[in-house]
Amino acid sequence: MRTLPRRPLLLAAALLPLAAPAGPARAQAAAGSPTAVIEGFHAVLLDIMRNAQRLGIRGRIQRLGPAMGTAFDLPAMTRISIGPAWTQIPPAEQEALIRAFSDWSVATFANRFDGYAGESFRIEGESELSNGDRLVRSLLVRPRDEPVALNYRLRNAGGAWQVVDVYLSGTVSELASRRAEFTTLLRDGGPQRLAAELQRRTQALLRG
């Protein structure tokens, strides 16, 4: 596994366009507590890490896609990252941004978790936030290094607890930290400019 940076790490979506999970996947998410959702996601992630070299970057993305499509509210994460400007974007361009944001997010994540050296995940606790969201606190335990805090904010929408933000090594929101950059791209070239930049970054990650 690559060394994790000391800044928030975005956990997000799949290389192929993803919609909200339906059928059994959605039902499974709805039935799980916030902690259970994260435990299930961690189990998939750990298996991907153990088989990272065999899967390659594209294989890791294909495996991460369904798991993140179930555990994460990717459209909500896109809206949060963009902020108030989202309401001014036409629906068709909103959909394009959700796809581009999701593709880039999971490519980043699959690129980061590219191997296994005895790591494990440990749930540290769950708490309710003032707006009803839940914060699940966890650690990525590394045998030869300090553990890394991975804290997930989950929201219940439509009966399913799903991640809407992730915090690494602290309490700074990765999505909020992206907003200034995204605002600049939107101002300079509109939604098309932002989507194109996210697509460019995704392709760069695929090339290694």
N, C-alpha and C. Protein backbone atom coordinates (compact mmCIF):
# COMPACT_ATOMS: atom_id res chain seq x y z
N MET A 1 0.84 -1.19 0.00
CA MET A 1 0.00 0.00 0.00
C MET A 1 0.87 1.23 0.00
N ARG A 2 0.52 2.22 -0.79
CA ARG A 2 1.30 3.44 -0.84
C ARG A 2 1.20 4.21 0.47
N THR A 3 2.23 4.99 0.76
CA THR A 3 2.21 5.80 1.97
C THR A 3 1.10 6.82 1.87
N LEU A 4 0.26 6.88 2.89
CA LEU A 4 -0.87 7.81 2.88
C LEU A 4 -0.40 9.20 3.24
N PRO A 5 -0.89 10.22 2.52
CA PRO A 5 -0.49 11.58 2.83
C PRO A 5 -1.12 12.05 4.11
N ARG A 6 -0.49 13.01 4.76
CA ARG A 6 -1.03 13.58 5.99
C ARG A 6 -2.01 14.69 5.65
N ARG A 7 -3.04 14.34 4.90
CA ARG A 7 -4.11 15.26 4.58
C ARG A 7 -5.34 14.42 4.32
N PRO A 8 -6.54 15.02 4.29
CA PRO A 8 -7.74 14.22 4.07
C PRO A 8 -7.66 13.46 2.76
N LEU A 9 -8.11 12.23 2.79
CA LEU A 9 -8.13 11.38 1.60
C LEU A 9 -9.57 11.13 1.20
N LEU A 10 -9.89 11.45 -0.04
CA LEU A 10 -11.26 11.25 -0.52
C LEU A 10 -11.47 9.79 -0.86
N LEU A 11 -12.55 9.24 -0.34
CA LEU A 11 -12.98 7.90 -0.70
C LEU A 11 -14.22 8.06 -1.55
N ALA A 12 -14.21 7.56 -2.71
CA ALA A 12 -15.38 7.75 -3.49
C ALA A 12 -15.73 6.59 -4.37
N ALA A 13 -15.81 6.67 -5.71
CA ALA A 13 -16.71 5.91 -6.52
C ALA A 13 -16.03 4.99 -7.48
N ALA A 14 -16.64 4.71 -8.65
CA ALA A 14 -16.09 3.72 -9.55
C ALA A 14 -15.65 4.33 -10.85
N LEU A 15 -14.80 3.63 -11.61
CA LEU A 15 -14.35 4.13 -12.90
C LEU A 15 -15.50 4.18 -13.87
N LEU A 16 -16.35 3.17 -13.88
CA LEU A 16 -17.53 3.19 -14.72
C LEU A 16 -18.61 4.02 -14.04
N PRO A 17 -19.49 4.71 -14.83
CA PRO A 17 -20.52 5.53 -14.21
C PRO A 17 -21.38 4.71 -13.27
N LEU A 18 -21.70 5.29 -12.11
CA LEU A 18 -22.47 4.58 -11.08
C LEU A 18 -23.72 5.35 -10.76
N ALA A 19 -24.82 4.64 -10.60
CA ALA A 19 -26.03 5.22 -10.05
C ALA A 19 -26.16 4.74 -8.62
N ALA A 20 -27.14 5.25 -7.90
CA ALA A 20 -27.39 4.75 -6.55
C ALA A 20 -27.69 3.27 -6.62
N PRO A 21 -27.17 2.47 -5.69
CA PRO A 21 -27.39 1.03 -5.74
C PRO A 21 -28.86 0.69 -5.65
N ALA A 22 -29.24 -0.33 -6.38
CA ALA A 22 -30.64 -0.75 -6.39
C ALA A 22 -30.73 -2.21 -5.99
N GLY A 23 -31.96 -2.67 -5.76
CA GLY A 23 -32.19 -4.07 -5.49
C GLY A 23 -31.48 -4.53 -4.24
N PRO A 24 -30.86 -5.73 -4.29
CA PRO A 24 -30.25 -6.30 -3.09
C PRO A 24 -29.17 -5.42 -2.48
N ALA A 25 -28.37 -4.75 -3.32
CA ALA A 25 -27.30 -3.90 -2.78
C ALA A 25 -27.87 -2.78 -1.94
N ARG A 26 -28.91 -2.12 -2.46
CA ARG A 26 -29.53 -1.03 -1.71
C ARG A 26 -30.18 -1.55 -0.43
N ALA A 27 -30.83 -2.70 -0.55
CA ALA A 27 -31.47 -3.27 0.63
C ALA A 27 -30.45 -3.62 1.70
N GLN A 28 -29.29 -4.12 1.26
CA GLN A 28 -28.24 -4.47 2.22
C GLN A 28 -27.75 -3.23 2.95
N ALA A 29 -27.57 -2.12 2.19
CA ALA A 29 -27.12 -0.89 2.83
C ALA A 29 -28.16 -0.38 3.80
N ALA A 30 -29.43 -0.46 3.41
CA ALA A 30 -30.50 0.04 4.27
C ALA A 30 -30.59 -0.74 5.56
N ALA A 31 -30.29 -2.03 5.49
CA ALA A 31 -30.44 -2.87 6.67
C ALA A 31 -29.30 -2.69 7.66
N GLY A 32 -28.18 -2.11 7.22
CA GLY A 32 -27.02 -2.03 8.07
C GLY A 32 -26.96 -0.76 8.89
N SER A 33 -26.42 -0.89 10.10
CA SER A 33 -26.12 0.29 10.89
C SER A 33 -24.94 1.01 10.25
N PRO A 34 -24.68 2.28 10.62
CA PRO A 34 -23.50 2.96 10.07
C PRO A 34 -22.21 2.17 10.26
N THR A 35 -22.03 1.62 11.45
CA THR A 35 -20.82 0.83 11.70
C THR A 35 -20.77 -0.40 10.80
N ALA A 36 -21.91 -1.07 10.62
CA ALA A 36 -21.94 -2.26 9.77
C ALA A 36 -21.62 -1.91 8.32
N VAL A 37 -22.10 -0.76 7.86
CA VAL A 37 -21.79 -0.33 6.49
C VAL A 37 -20.28 -0.18 6.31
N ILE A 38 -19.63 0.46 7.26
CA ILE A 38 -18.19 0.66 7.16
C ILE A 38 -17.43 -0.66 7.31
N GLU A 39 -17.88 -1.52 8.21
CA GLU A 39 -17.22 -2.82 8.35
C GLU A 39 -17.31 -3.62 7.04
N GLY A 40 -18.46 -3.58 6.39
CA GLY A 40 -18.61 -4.28 5.12
C GLY A 40 -17.70 -3.70 4.05
N PHE A 41 -17.63 -2.37 4.00
CA PHE A 41 -16.75 -1.73 3.02
C PHE A 41 -15.29 -2.06 3.29
N HIS A 42 -14.89 -2.03 4.54
CA HIS A 42 -13.51 -2.36 4.89
C HIS A 42 -13.16 -3.79 4.51
N ALA A 43 -14.10 -4.71 4.67
CA ALA A 43 -13.83 -6.10 4.31
C ALA A 43 -13.53 -6.23 2.82
N VAL A 44 -14.30 -5.53 2.00
CA VAL A 44 -14.05 -5.55 0.55
C VAL A 44 -12.71 -4.89 0.24
N LEU A 45 -12.46 -3.76 0.87
CA LEU A 45 -11.22 -3.03 0.61
C LEU A 45 -10.00 -3.86 0.99
N LEU A 46 -10.06 -4.54 2.11
CA LEU A 46 -8.93 -5.35 2.54
C LEU A 46 -8.67 -6.50 1.56
N ASP A 47 -9.73 -7.10 1.05
CA ASP A 47 -9.56 -8.17 0.06
C ASP A 47 -8.93 -7.62 -1.22
N ILE A 48 -9.33 -6.43 -1.62
CA ILE A 48 -8.74 -5.81 -2.80
C ILE A 48 -7.26 -5.53 -2.58
N MET A 49 -6.92 -5.03 -1.40
CA MET A 49 -5.51 -4.77 -1.09
C MET A 49 -4.69 -6.05 -1.16
N ARG A 50 -5.23 -7.14 -0.63
CA ARG A 50 -4.50 -8.41 -0.62
C ARG A 50 -4.27 -8.94 -2.03
N ASN A 51 -5.15 -8.59 -2.96
CA ASN A 51 -5.05 -9.08 -4.34
C ASN A 51 -4.70 -7.96 -5.31
N ALA A 52 -4.11 -6.89 -4.79
CA ALA A 52 -3.91 -5.68 -5.59
C ALA A 52 -3.05 -5.93 -6.83
N GLN A 53 -1.97 -6.65 -6.68
CA GLN A 53 -1.07 -6.83 -7.81
C GLN A 53 -1.71 -7.68 -8.90
N ARG A 54 -2.43 -8.70 -8.50
CA ARG A 54 -3.11 -9.55 -9.49
C ARG A 54 -4.20 -8.77 -10.21
N LEU A 55 -4.93 -7.95 -9.48
CA LEU A 55 -6.04 -7.21 -10.07
C LEU A 55 -5.57 -6.08 -10.97
N GLY A 56 -4.48 -5.42 -10.60
CA GLY A 56 -4.06 -4.23 -11.33
C GLY A 56 -5.00 -3.07 -11.04
N ILE A 57 -4.66 -1.91 -11.56
CA ILE A 57 -5.46 -0.72 -11.27
C ILE A 57 -6.89 -0.85 -11.77
N ARG A 58 -7.08 -1.38 -12.97
CA ARG A 58 -8.43 -1.50 -13.52
C ARG A 58 -9.25 -2.54 -12.76
N GLY A 59 -8.61 -3.63 -12.39
CA GLY A 59 -9.31 -4.64 -11.61
C GLY A 59 -9.71 -4.13 -10.24
N ARG A 60 -8.84 -3.33 -9.62
CA ARG A 60 -9.19 -2.76 -8.32
C ARG A 60 -10.37 -1.81 -8.46
N ILE A 61 -10.39 -1.04 -9.51
CA ILE A 61 -11.50 -0.12 -9.74
C ILE A 61 -12.80 -0.89 -9.94
N GLN A 62 -12.75 -1.95 -10.72
CA GLN A 62 -13.96 -2.74 -10.96
C GLN A 62 -14.49 -3.36 -9.67
N ARG A 63 -13.61 -3.76 -8.78
CA ARG A 63 -14.05 -4.32 -7.50
C ARG A 63 -14.56 -3.24 -6.56
N LEU A 64 -13.92 -2.08 -6.56
CA LEU A 64 -14.32 -1.00 -5.67
C LEU A 64 -15.66 -0.39 -6.07
N GLY A 65 -15.95 -0.38 -7.37
CA GLY A 65 -17.16 0.29 -7.85
C GLY A 65 -18.43 -0.14 -7.15
N PRO A 66 -18.78 -1.43 -7.16
CA PRO A 66 -20.01 -1.85 -6.49
C PRO A 66 -20.00 -1.59 -5.00
N ALA A 67 -18.86 -1.81 -4.34
CA ALA A 67 -18.79 -1.59 -2.89
C ALA A 67 -19.01 -0.13 -2.54
N MET A 68 -18.40 0.76 -3.29
CA MET A 68 -18.57 2.17 -3.00
C MET A 68 -19.92 2.69 -3.47
N GLY A 69 -20.45 2.11 -4.54
CA GLY A 69 -21.78 2.50 -4.97
C GLY A 69 -22.83 2.20 -3.92
N THR A 70 -22.58 1.18 -3.11
CA THR A 70 -23.49 0.83 -2.03
C THR A 70 -23.23 1.66 -0.77
N ALA A 71 -21.96 1.81 -0.41
CA ALA A 71 -21.62 2.43 0.88
C ALA A 71 -21.55 3.95 0.83
N PHE A 72 -21.39 4.53 -0.35
CA PHE A 72 -21.20 5.97 -0.48
C PHE A 72 -22.33 6.60 -1.29
N ASP A 73 -22.77 7.79 -0.87
CA ASP A 73 -23.74 8.58 -1.62
C ASP A 73 -22.95 9.50 -2.55
N LEU A 74 -22.61 8.98 -3.71
CA LEU A 74 -21.72 9.70 -4.61
C LEU A 74 -22.33 10.99 -5.17
N PRO A 75 -23.61 10.99 -5.55
CA PRO A 75 -24.18 12.27 -5.99
C PRO A 75 -24.14 13.34 -4.90
N ALA A 76 -24.43 12.94 -3.66
CA ALA A 76 -24.37 13.91 -2.56
C ALA A 76 -22.95 14.41 -2.35
N MET A 77 -21.97 13.54 -2.47
CA MET A 77 -20.58 13.95 -2.30
C MET A 77 -20.17 14.93 -3.39
N THR A 78 -20.67 14.73 -4.59
CA THR A 78 -20.38 15.68 -5.67
C THR A 78 -20.98 17.03 -5.35
N ARG A 79 -22.24 17.05 -4.92
CA ARG A 79 -22.89 18.31 -4.59
C ARG A 79 -22.16 19.04 -3.46
N ILE A 80 -21.77 18.30 -2.44
CA ILE A 80 -21.07 18.92 -1.31
C ILE A 80 -19.74 19.51 -1.76
N SER A 81 -19.03 18.82 -2.63
CA SER A 81 -17.74 19.30 -3.10
C SER A 81 -17.87 20.61 -3.89
N ILE A 82 -18.94 20.73 -4.64
CA ILE A 82 -19.12 21.91 -5.48
C ILE A 82 -19.74 23.06 -4.70
N GLY A 83 -20.61 22.75 -3.75
CA GLY A 83 -21.18 23.79 -2.92
C GLY A 83 -22.37 24.49 -3.55
N PRO A 84 -22.64 25.74 -3.15
CA PRO A 84 -23.84 26.45 -3.61
C PRO A 84 -23.95 26.57 -5.13
N ALA A 85 -22.83 26.57 -5.83
CA ALA A 85 -22.88 26.69 -7.29
C ALA A 85 -23.62 25.54 -7.95
N TRP A 86 -23.78 24.43 -7.23
CA TRP A 86 -24.45 23.26 -7.79
C TRP A 86 -25.84 23.59 -8.31
N THR A 87 -26.57 24.41 -7.60
CA THR A 87 -27.96 24.70 -7.97
C THR A 87 -28.06 25.48 -9.27
N GLN A 88 -26.97 26.08 -9.72
CA GLN A 88 -26.98 26.86 -10.96
C GLN A 88 -26.56 26.03 -12.17
N ILE A 89 -26.22 24.78 -11.96
CA ILE A 89 -25.75 23.92 -13.05
C ILE A 89 -26.92 23.15 -13.64
N PRO A 90 -27.09 23.14 -14.97
CA PRO A 90 -28.19 22.40 -15.60
C PRO A 90 -28.12 20.90 -15.28
N PRO A 91 -29.27 20.23 -15.23
CA PRO A 91 -29.29 18.81 -14.84
C PRO A 91 -28.36 17.91 -15.64
N ALA A 92 -28.30 18.09 -16.96
CA ALA A 92 -27.45 17.23 -17.77
C ALA A 92 -25.98 17.39 -17.39
N GLU A 93 -25.58 18.61 -17.09
CA GLU A 93 -24.20 18.85 -16.69
C GLU A 93 -23.94 18.39 -15.26
N GLN A 94 -24.97 18.41 -14.42
CA GLN A 94 -24.83 17.82 -13.09
C GLN A 94 -24.51 16.33 -13.20
N GLU A 95 -25.24 15.63 -14.07
CA GLU A 95 -24.99 14.20 -14.24
C GLU A 95 -23.58 13.94 -14.74
N ALA A 96 -23.12 14.77 -15.68
CA ALA A 96 -21.76 14.61 -16.19
C ALA A 96 -20.72 14.82 -15.09
N LEU A 97 -20.98 15.79 -14.22
CA LEU A 97 -20.06 16.05 -13.12
C LEU A 97 -20.05 14.90 -12.11
N ILE A 98 -21.21 14.33 -11.83
CA ILE A 98 -21.27 13.18 -10.91
C ILE A 98 -20.44 12.03 -11.46
N ARG A 99 -20.57 11.76 -12.76
CA ARG A 99 -19.79 10.67 -13.36
C ARG A 99 -18.29 10.96 -13.29
N ALA A 100 -17.92 12.18 -13.65
CA ALA A 100 -16.49 12.53 -13.67
C ALA A 100 -15.90 12.52 -12.26
N PHE A 101 -16.64 13.06 -11.31
CA PHE A 101 -16.18 13.08 -9.92
C PHE A 101 -16.02 11.66 -9.39
N SER A 102 -16.98 10.80 -9.69
CA SER A 102 -16.93 9.42 -9.22
C SER A 102 -15.76 8.66 -9.83
N ASP A 103 -15.58 8.81 -11.14
CA ASP A 103 -14.47 8.13 -11.81
C ASP A 103 -13.13 8.54 -11.22
N TRP A 104 -12.95 9.82 -11.04
CA TRP A 104 -11.68 10.33 -10.51
C TRP A 104 -11.46 9.88 -9.07
N SER A 105 -12.52 9.90 -8.28
CA SER A 105 -12.40 9.55 -6.87
C SER A 105 -11.95 8.11 -6.69
N VAL A 106 -12.60 7.19 -7.38
CA VAL A 106 -12.22 5.79 -7.19
C VAL A 106 -10.87 5.48 -7.81
N ALA A 107 -10.53 6.14 -8.90
CA ALA A 107 -9.20 5.94 -9.48
C ALA A 107 -8.13 6.37 -8.49
N THR A 108 -8.37 7.48 -7.80
CA THR A 108 -7.44 7.94 -6.77
C THR A 108 -7.32 6.91 -5.66
N PHE A 109 -8.46 6.40 -5.23
CA PHE A 109 -8.48 5.45 -4.12
C PHE A 109 -7.83 4.13 -4.52
N ALA A 110 -8.15 3.63 -5.73
CA ALA A 110 -7.57 2.37 -6.19
C ALA A 110 -6.06 2.51 -6.39
N ASN A 111 -5.63 3.67 -6.80
CA ASN A 111 -4.20 3.91 -6.97
C ASN A 111 -3.48 3.95 -5.63
N ARG A 112 -4.14 4.46 -4.62
CA ARG A 112 -3.53 4.58 -3.30
C ARG A 112 -3.40 3.21 -2.61
N PHE A 113 -4.46 2.43 -2.65
CA PHE A 113 -4.47 1.13 -1.97
C PHE A 113 -4.06 0.05 -2.97
N ASP A 114 -2.76 0.02 -3.25
CA ASP A 114 -2.24 -0.80 -4.35
C ASP A 114 -1.41 -1.99 -3.87
N GLY A 115 -1.56 -2.37 -2.61
CA GLY A 115 -0.81 -3.51 -2.10
C GLY A 115 -1.19 -3.81 -0.66
N TYR A 116 -0.57 -4.84 -0.13
CA TYR A 116 -0.91 -5.29 1.23
C TYR A 116 0.36 -5.66 1.97
N ALA A 117 0.51 -5.14 3.20
CA ALA A 117 1.67 -5.45 4.03
C ALA A 117 1.23 -5.68 5.47
N GLY A 118 0.15 -6.45 5.63
CA GLY A 118 -0.31 -6.79 6.96
C GLY A 118 -1.24 -5.78 7.59
N GLU A 119 -1.75 -4.83 6.82
CA GLU A 119 -2.65 -3.82 7.38
C GLU A 119 -3.98 -4.44 7.80
N SER A 120 -4.66 -3.74 8.70
CA SER A 120 -6.01 -4.13 9.11
C SER A 120 -6.78 -2.87 9.47
N PHE A 121 -8.10 -2.99 9.52
CA PHE A 121 -8.96 -1.88 9.90
C PHE A 121 -9.58 -2.18 11.26
N ARG A 122 -9.71 -1.14 12.07
CA ARG A 122 -10.31 -1.30 13.39
C ARG A 122 -11.31 -0.17 13.64
N ILE A 123 -12.54 -0.54 13.97
CA ILE A 123 -13.56 0.45 14.31
C ILE A 123 -13.31 0.95 15.73
N GLU A 124 -13.27 2.25 15.90
CA GLU A 124 -13.00 2.86 17.20
C GLU A 124 -14.27 3.33 17.90
N GLY A 125 -15.36 3.52 17.16
CA GLY A 125 -16.59 3.98 17.79
C GLY A 125 -17.51 4.66 16.80
N GLU A 126 -18.72 4.94 17.26
CA GLU A 126 -19.73 5.62 16.44
C GLU A 126 -20.43 6.65 17.31
N SER A 127 -20.69 7.83 16.75
CA SER A 127 -21.39 8.87 17.49
C SER A 127 -22.37 9.59 16.58
N GLU A 128 -23.39 10.18 17.20
CA GLU A 128 -24.40 10.92 16.45
C GLU A 128 -24.03 12.39 16.43
N LEU A 129 -24.14 13.02 15.25
CA LEU A 129 -23.85 14.43 15.10
C LEU A 129 -25.12 15.25 15.26
N SER A 130 -24.98 16.56 15.34
CA SER A 130 -26.11 17.41 15.69
C SER A 130 -27.24 17.36 14.67
N ASN A 131 -26.93 17.10 13.41
CA ASN A 131 -27.97 17.06 12.38
C ASN A 131 -28.52 15.66 12.14
N GLY A 132 -28.13 14.70 12.97
CA GLY A 132 -28.60 13.33 12.82
C GLY A 132 -27.65 12.44 12.04
N ASP A 133 -26.64 13.02 11.39
CA ASP A 133 -25.62 12.20 10.74
C ASP A 133 -24.88 11.38 11.80
N ARG A 134 -24.19 10.34 11.36
CA ARG A 134 -23.37 9.53 12.26
C ARG A 134 -21.91 9.61 11.82
N LEU A 135 -21.03 9.64 12.80
CA LEU A 135 -19.60 9.61 12.55
C LEU A 135 -19.05 8.27 13.03
N VAL A 136 -18.52 7.50 12.10
CA VAL A 136 -17.88 6.23 12.44
C VAL A 136 -16.38 6.45 12.41
N ARG A 137 -15.74 6.22 13.55
CA ARG A 137 -14.31 6.44 13.67
C ARG A 137 -13.58 5.09 13.52
N SER A 138 -12.56 5.08 12.68
CA SER A 138 -11.81 3.84 12.47
C SER A 138 -10.34 4.16 12.30
N LEU A 139 -9.54 3.11 12.38
CA LEU A 139 -8.10 3.21 12.19
C LEU A 139 -7.66 2.22 11.12
N LEU A 140 -6.77 2.66 10.26
CA LEU A 140 -6.02 1.76 9.40
C LEU A 140 -4.74 1.43 10.16
N VAL A 141 -4.64 0.20 10.63
CA VAL A 141 -3.51 -0.23 11.46
C VAL A 141 -2.42 -0.76 10.55
N ARG A 142 -1.23 -0.17 10.66
CA ARG A 142 -0.09 -0.55 9.82
C ARG A 142 1.01 -1.13 10.70
N PRO A 143 1.44 -2.37 10.44
CA PRO A 143 2.39 -3.05 11.34
C PRO A 143 3.70 -2.31 11.55
N ARG A 144 4.17 -1.63 10.51
CA ARG A 144 5.48 -0.98 10.61
C ARG A 144 5.39 0.54 10.56
N ASP A 145 4.24 1.07 10.89
CA ASP A 145 4.07 2.52 10.86
C ASP A 145 2.94 2.91 11.79
N GLU A 146 2.78 4.21 11.98
CA GLU A 146 1.71 4.70 12.83
C GLU A 146 0.35 4.43 12.18
N PRO A 147 -0.68 4.15 12.98
CA PRO A 147 -2.02 3.98 12.40
C PRO A 147 -2.53 5.30 11.82
N VAL A 148 -3.43 5.17 10.85
CA VAL A 148 -4.02 6.34 10.20
C VAL A 148 -5.51 6.37 10.54
N ALA A 149 -5.98 7.51 11.02
CA ALA A 149 -7.41 7.65 11.33
C ALA A 149 -8.21 7.82 10.05
N LEU A 150 -9.24 7.02 9.91
CA LEU A 150 -10.20 7.13 8.80
C LEU A 150 -11.58 7.28 9.42
N ASN A 151 -12.11 8.48 9.39
CA ASN A 151 -13.41 8.75 9.99
C ASN A 151 -14.43 9.02 8.89
N TYR A 152 -15.57 8.38 9.00
CA TYR A 152 -16.60 8.44 7.97
C TYR A 152 -17.85 9.13 8.50
N ARG A 153 -18.36 10.08 7.74
CA ARG A 153 -19.64 10.70 8.07
C ARG A 153 -20.72 10.06 7.21
N LEU A 154 -21.75 9.51 7.85
CA LEU A 154 -22.82 8.82 7.13
C LEU A 154 -24.14 9.54 7.37
N ARG A 155 -24.99 9.49 6.34
CA ARG A 155 -26.31 10.11 6.40
C ARG A 155 -27.35 9.09 5.95
N ASN A 156 -28.50 9.11 6.59
CA ASN A 156 -29.59 8.20 6.24
C ASN A 156 -30.49 8.89 5.24
N ALA A 157 -30.43 8.43 4.00
CA ALA A 157 -31.26 8.99 2.93
C ALA A 157 -32.01 7.83 2.27
N GLY A 158 -33.33 7.88 2.30
CA GLY A 158 -34.11 6.80 1.70
C GLY A 158 -33.99 5.49 2.44
N GLY A 159 -33.68 5.53 3.73
CA GLY A 159 -33.62 4.31 4.52
C GLY A 159 -32.27 3.64 4.56
N ALA A 160 -31.27 4.22 3.89
CA ALA A 160 -29.94 3.61 3.85
C ALA A 160 -28.90 4.56 4.42
N TRP A 161 -28.06 4.06 5.29
CA TRP A 161 -26.92 4.83 5.77
C TRP A 161 -25.82 4.77 4.71
N GLN A 162 -25.39 5.95 4.26
CA GLN A 162 -24.32 6.02 3.26
C GLN A 162 -23.34 7.13 3.62
N VAL A 163 -22.11 6.94 3.22
CA VAL A 163 -21.05 7.91 3.50
C VAL A 163 -21.26 9.16 2.66
N VAL A 164 -21.14 10.32 3.30
CA VAL A 164 -21.20 11.59 2.57
C VAL A 164 -19.92 12.40 2.75
N ASP A 165 -19.00 11.95 3.57
CA ASP A 165 -17.71 12.62 3.71
C ASP A 165 -16.76 11.69 4.45
N VAL A 166 -15.47 11.91 4.24
CA VAL A 166 -14.44 11.10 4.89
C VAL A 166 -13.37 12.04 5.40
N TYR A 167 -12.83 11.73 6.58
CA TYR A 167 -11.79 12.54 7.20
C TYR A 167 -10.59 11.64 7.50
N LEU A 168 -9.42 12.10 7.12
CA LEU A 168 -8.19 11.35 7.37
C LEU A 168 -7.31 12.14 8.32
N SER A 169 -6.85 11.49 9.38
CA SER A 169 -5.89 12.10 10.30
C SER A 169 -6.35 13.44 10.84
N GLY A 170 -7.62 13.54 11.21
CA GLY A 170 -8.11 14.79 11.76
C GLY A 170 -9.58 14.99 11.45
N THR A 171 -9.98 16.24 11.48
CA THR A 171 -11.39 16.56 11.33
C THR A 171 -11.66 17.49 10.16
N VAL A 172 -10.70 17.67 9.27
CA VAL A 172 -10.89 18.54 8.11
C VAL A 172 -11.56 17.75 7.00
N SER A 173 -12.66 18.27 6.49
CA SER A 173 -13.41 17.60 5.44
C SER A 173 -12.67 17.68 4.12
N GLU A 174 -12.46 16.52 3.51
CA GLU A 174 -11.85 16.49 2.18
C GLU A 174 -12.75 17.18 1.16
N LEU A 175 -14.04 16.95 1.26
CA LEU A 175 -14.94 17.55 0.29
C LEU A 175 -14.93 19.07 0.40
N ALA A 176 -14.95 19.58 1.61
CA ALA A 176 -14.88 21.03 1.78
C ALA A 176 -13.56 21.59 1.28
N SER A 177 -12.48 20.81 1.46
CA SER A 177 -11.18 21.29 1.01
C SER A 177 -11.08 21.34 -0.50
N ARG A 178 -11.89 20.57 -1.20
CA ARG A 178 -11.90 20.59 -2.66
C ARG A 178 -12.71 21.76 -3.21
N ARG A 179 -13.54 22.35 -2.40
CA ARG A 179 -14.50 23.32 -2.92
C ARG A 179 -13.84 24.53 -3.56
N ALA A 180 -12.79 25.06 -2.94
CA ALA A 180 -12.13 26.24 -3.51
C ALA A 180 -11.56 25.94 -4.89
N GLU A 181 -10.93 24.78 -5.03
CA GLU A 181 -10.37 24.39 -6.32
C GLU A 181 -11.48 24.23 -7.36
N PHE A 182 -12.55 23.56 -6.98
CA PHE A 182 -13.65 23.34 -7.92
C PHE A 182 -14.32 24.66 -8.29
N THR A 183 -14.44 25.56 -7.34
CA THR A 183 -15.03 26.87 -7.62
C THR A 183 -14.21 27.62 -8.66
N THR A 184 -12.89 27.54 -8.56
CA THR A 184 -12.02 28.20 -9.53
C THR A 184 -12.21 27.62 -10.92
N LEU A 185 -12.25 26.29 -11.01
CA LEU A 185 -12.44 25.64 -12.31
C LEU A 185 -13.79 26.00 -12.91
N LEU A 186 -14.83 26.04 -12.09
CA LEU A 186 -16.16 26.41 -12.58
C LEU A 186 -16.17 27.86 -13.07
N ARG A 187 -15.51 28.73 -12.34
CA ARG A 187 -15.48 30.14 -12.73
C ARG A 187 -14.71 30.33 -14.04
N ASP A 188 -13.64 29.56 -14.21
CA ASP A 188 -12.81 29.73 -15.40
C ASP A 188 -13.42 29.13 -16.66
N GLY A 189 -14.17 28.02 -16.50
CA GLY A 189 -14.66 27.37 -17.71
C GLY A 189 -15.99 26.68 -17.58
N GLY A 190 -16.69 26.89 -16.48
CA GLY A 190 -18.00 26.29 -16.31
C GLY A 190 -17.92 24.80 -15.98
N PRO A 191 -19.08 24.14 -15.93
CA PRO A 191 -19.12 22.71 -15.58
C PRO A 191 -18.29 21.84 -16.52
N GLN A 192 -18.24 22.22 -17.80
CA GLN A 192 -17.47 21.43 -18.75
C GLN A 192 -15.99 21.43 -18.40
N ARG A 193 -15.50 22.57 -17.95
CA ARG A 193 -14.08 22.67 -17.58
C ARG A 193 -13.77 21.79 -16.38
N LEU A 194 -14.63 21.80 -15.38
CA LEU A 194 -14.41 20.97 -14.20
C LEU A 194 -14.48 19.49 -14.55
N ALA A 195 -15.48 19.10 -15.34
CA ALA A 195 -15.61 17.69 -15.72
C ALA A 195 -14.40 17.24 -16.53
N ALA A 196 -13.94 18.07 -17.44
CA ALA A 196 -12.78 17.71 -18.27
C ALA A 196 -11.53 17.54 -17.42
N GLU A 197 -11.35 18.40 -16.42
CA GLU A 197 -10.17 18.29 -15.56
C GLU A 197 -10.22 17.01 -14.73
N LEU A 198 -11.39 16.66 -14.22
CA LEU A 198 -11.51 15.43 -13.45
C LEU A 198 -11.26 14.21 -14.33
N GLN A 199 -11.74 14.25 -15.57
CA GLN A 199 -11.49 13.15 -16.51
C GLN A 199 -10.00 13.04 -16.82
N ARG A 200 -9.34 14.18 -16.99
CA ARG A 200 -7.90 14.17 -17.27
C ARG A 200 -7.13 13.52 -16.12
N ARG A 201 -7.49 13.86 -14.90
CA ARG A 201 -6.82 13.30 -13.74
C ARG A 201 -7.05 11.79 -13.63
N THR A 202 -8.25 11.36 -13.96
CA THR A 202 -8.55 9.93 -13.94
C THR A 202 -7.67 9.17 -14.92
N GLN A 203 -7.55 9.69 -16.13
CA GLN A 203 -6.73 9.03 -17.14
C GLN A 203 -5.26 9.00 -16.72
N ALA A 204 -4.79 10.05 -16.07
CA ALA A 204 -3.41 10.07 -15.60
C ALA A 204 -3.17 8.98 -14.56
N LEU A 205 -4.13 8.76 -13.68
CA LEU A 205 -4.00 7.71 -12.68
C LEU A 205 -4.00 6.33 -13.33
N LEU A 206 -4.80 6.15 -14.35
CA LEU A 206 -4.84 4.86 -15.04
C LEU A 206 -3.52 4.55 -15.74
N ARG A 207 -2.85 5.59 -16.20
CA ARG A 207 -1.56 5.38 -16.85
C ARG A 207 -0.44 5.13 -15.85
N GLY A 208 -0.72 5.41 -14.58
CA GLY A 208 0.29 5.22 -13.55
C GLY A 208 1.30 6.35 -13.54
